[in-house]
Amino acid sequence: MNYTKGPWLINYKGSIGHIKSVHGEAKPHITPTPTVCRVDLYAKACISEDEQKSNSNLIAAAPDLYEALKVVTKSETITPEMWNQIHCALMKAEGK
């Protein structure tokens, strides 16, 4: 699977939320890290700002969730470290 490697972080500036990767190459004169996606918090016609922020958290947690599930599916038993990785990914998805 080819995707922008995580972790992804959310950076809000005014009404715009940028979900960015801490890895990869970006154009330094534009942004220091690549933007994975952008969320407009004022586009409230369909969903609330709170729901948009929750969606941003879930999107930003996608690489962590994917990697945690990949590790678990390759193992016959789930170790405490795996549970911790899963727990951390879920907390990030929940914005905690």
C-alpha atoms as a PDB file:
ATOM      1  CA  MET A   1       0.000   0.000   0.000  1.00  0.00           C
ATOM      2  CA  ASN A   2       1.387   3.388  -0.960  1.00  0.00           C
ATOM      3  CA  TYR A   3       0.364   6.295   1.269  1.00  0.00           C
ATOM      4  CA  THR A   4       2.043   9.230   2.995  1.00  0.00           C
ATOM      5  CA  LYS A   5       3.636   7.687   6.063  1.00  0.00           C
ATOM      6  CA  GLY A   6       2.499   8.842   9.481  1.00  0.00           C
ATOM      7  CA  PRO A   7       2.294  10.116  12.001  1.00  0.00           C
ATOM      8  CA  TRP A   8      -0.089  12.741  10.719  1.00  0.00           C
ATOM      9  CA  LEU A   9      -0.788  15.820  12.840  1.00  0.00           C
ATOM     10  CA  ILE A  10      -3.525  18.450  12.697  1.00  0.00           C
ATOM     11  CA  ASN A  11      -2.633  22.123  12.497  1.00  0.00           C
ATOM     12  CA  TYR A  12      -5.512  24.626  12.668  1.00  0.00           C
ATOM     13  CA  LYS A  13      -5.026  28.137  11.369  1.00  0.00           C
ATOM     14  CA  GLY A  14      -8.231  30.100  11.637  1.00  0.00           C
ATOM     15  CA  SER A  15     -11.007  28.258   9.843  1.00  0.00           C
ATOM     16  CA  ILE A  16      -8.700  25.842   7.998  1.00  0.00           C
ATOM     17  CA  GLY A  17      -7.310  22.621   9.417  1.00  0.00           C
ATOM     18  CA  HIS A  18      -4.294  21.063   7.719  1.00  0.00           C
ATOM     19  CA  ILE A  19      -3.557  17.403   8.306  1.00  0.00           C
ATOM     20  CA  LYS A  20       0.183  17.061   7.746  1.00  0.00           C
ATOM     21  CA  SER A  21       2.717  14.287   7.699  1.00  0.00           C
ATOM     22  CA  VAL A  22       5.824  14.658   9.819  1.00  0.00           C
ATOM     23  CA  HIS A  23       7.677  12.758   7.067  1.00  0.00           C
ATOM     24  CA  GLY A  24       8.200  13.298   3.400  1.00  0.00           C
ATOM     25  CA  GLU A  25       9.231  16.179   1.243  1.00  0.00           C
ATOM     26  CA  ALA A  26       7.384  19.423   0.892  1.00  0.00           C
ATOM     27  CA  LYS A  27       8.054  22.647  -0.919  1.00  0.00           C
ATOM     28  CA  PRO A  28       9.910  24.658   1.766  1.00  0.00           C
ATOM     29  CA  HIS A  29       8.683  28.014   0.457  1.00  0.00           C
ATOM     30  CA  ILE A  30       5.094  26.818   0.940  1.00  0.00           C
ATOM     31  CA  THR A  31       5.056  24.484   3.936  1.00  0.00           C
ATOM     32  CA  PRO A  32       7.729  22.645   5.970  1.00  0.00           C
ATOM     33  CA  THR A  33       5.786  19.342   5.905  1.00  0.00           C
ATOM     34  CA  PRO A  34       3.469  17.855   3.290  1.00  0.00           C
ATOM     35  CA  THR A  35      -0.253  18.466   3.717  1.00  0.00           C
ATOM     36  CA  VAL A  36      -2.219  15.219   3.443  1.00  0.00           C
ATOM     37  CA  CYS A  37      -5.598  16.963   3.400  1.00  0.00           C
ATOM     38  CA  ARG A  38      -7.291  20.203   4.330  1.00  0.00           C
ATOM     39  CA  VAL A  39     -10.492  20.757   6.308  1.00  0.00           C
ATOM     40  CA  ASP A  40     -12.570  23.942   6.103  1.00  0.00           C
ATOM     41  CA  LEU A  41     -14.201  24.414   9.509  1.00  0.00           C
ATOM     42  CA  TYR A  42     -16.550  27.089   8.183  1.00  0.00           C
ATOM     43  CA  ALA A  43     -18.152  24.773   5.618  1.00  0.00           C
ATOM     44  CA  LYS A  44     -20.996  24.154   8.063  1.00  0.00           C
ATOM     45  CA  ALA A  45     -23.731  23.625   5.490  1.00  0.00           C
ATOM     46  CA  CYS A  46     -23.700  19.845   5.944  1.00  0.00           C
ATOM     47  CA  ILE A  47     -21.889  19.079   9.198  1.00  0.00           C
ATOM     48  CA  SER A  48     -21.028  20.920  12.392  1.00  0.00           C
ATOM     49  CA  GLU A  49     -17.590  22.265  13.320  1.00  0.00           C
ATOM     50  CA  ASP A  50     -17.386  19.661  16.102  1.00  0.00           C
ATOM     51  CA  GLU A  51     -18.083  16.856  13.621  1.00  0.00           C
ATOM     52  CA  GLN A  52     -15.512  18.298  11.205  1.00  0.00           C
ATOM     53  CA  LYS A  53     -12.887  18.315  13.970  1.00  0.00           C
ATOM     54  CA  SER A  54     -13.777  14.711  14.830  1.00  0.00           C
ATOM     55  CA  ASN A  55     -13.391  13.777  11.159  1.00  0.00           C
ATOM     56  CA  SER A  56      -9.989  15.492  11.158  1.00  0.00           C
ATOM     57  CA  ASN A  57      -8.909  13.447  14.192  1.00  0.00           C
ATOM     58  CA  LEU A  58     -10.003  10.221  12.510  1.00  0.00           C
ATOM     59  CA  ILE A  59      -8.192  11.093   9.272  1.00  0.00           C
ATOM     60  CA  ALA A  60      -5.025  12.048  11.163  1.00  0.00           C
ATOM     61  CA  ALA A  61      -5.101   8.723  13.043  1.00  0.00           C
ATOM     62  CA  ALA A  62      -5.457   6.630   9.871  1.00  0.00           C
ATOM     63  CA  PRO A  63      -1.764   5.650   9.529  1.00  0.00           C
ATOM     64  CA  ASP A  64      -1.552   4.737  13.234  1.00  0.00           C
ATOM     65  CA  LEU A  65      -4.725   2.628  13.034  1.00  0.00           C
ATOM     66  CA  TYR A  66      -3.524   0.921   9.854  1.00  0.00           C
ATOM     67  CA  GLU A  67      -0.108   0.079  11.299  1.00  0.00           C
ATOM     68  CA  ALA A  68      -1.612  -1.207  14.574  1.00  0.00           C
ATOM     69  CA  LEU A  69      -4.002  -3.501  12.734  1.00  0.00           C
ATOM     70  CA  LYS A  70      -1.239  -4.734  10.435  1.00  0.00           C
ATOM     71  CA  VAL A  71       0.864  -5.744  13.452  1.00  0.00           C
ATOM     72  CA  VAL A  72      -2.035  -7.539  15.146  1.00  0.00           C
ATOM     73  CA  THR A  73      -3.052  -9.516  12.057  1.00  0.00           C
ATOM     74  CA  LYS A  74       0.496 -10.896  11.704  1.00  0.00           C
ATOM     75  CA  SER A  75       0.594 -12.287  15.232  1.00  0.00           C
ATOM     76  CA  GLU A  76      -0.944 -15.318  16.893  1.00  0.00           C
ATOM     77  CA  THR A  77      -1.139 -13.558  20.253  1.00  0.00           C
ATOM     78  CA  ILE A  78      -1.603  -9.930  21.173  1.00  0.00           C
ATOM     79  CA  THR A  79       1.174  -8.617  23.399  1.00  0.00           C
ATOM     80  CA  PRO A  80       0.841  -5.716  25.857  1.00  0.00           C
ATOM     81  CA  GLU A  81       2.869  -3.598  23.404  1.00  0.00           C
ATOM     82  CA  MET A  82       0.332  -4.343  20.645  1.00  0.00           C
ATOM     83  CA  TRP A  83      -2.555  -3.410  22.947  1.00  0.00           C
ATOM     84  CA  ASN A  84      -0.741  -0.172  23.751  1.00  0.00           C
ATOM     85  CA  GLN A  85      -0.271   0.600  20.038  1.00  0.00           C
ATOM     86  CA  ILE A  86      -3.972  -0.060  19.405  1.00  0.00           C
ATOM     87  CA  HIS A  87      -5.005   2.017  22.426  1.00  0.00           C
ATOM     88  CA  CYS A  88      -2.813   4.964  21.367  1.00  0.00           C
ATOM     89  CA  ALA A  89      -4.174   4.868  17.816  1.00  0.00           C
ATOM     90  CA  LEU A  90      -7.760   4.838  19.086  1.00  0.00           C
ATOM     91  CA  MET A  91      -7.074   7.715  21.496  1.00  0.00           C
ATOM     92  CA  LYS A  92      -5.622   9.755  18.624  1.00  0.00           C
ATOM     93  CA  ALA A  93      -8.682   8.982  16.483  1.00  0.00           C
ATOM     94  CA  GLU A  94     -10.861  10.224  19.349  1.00  0.00           C
ATOM     95  CA  GLY A  95      -8.847  13.461  19.623  1.00  0.00           C
ATOM     96  CA  LYS A  96      -7.401  12.632  23.050  1.00  0.00           C
END
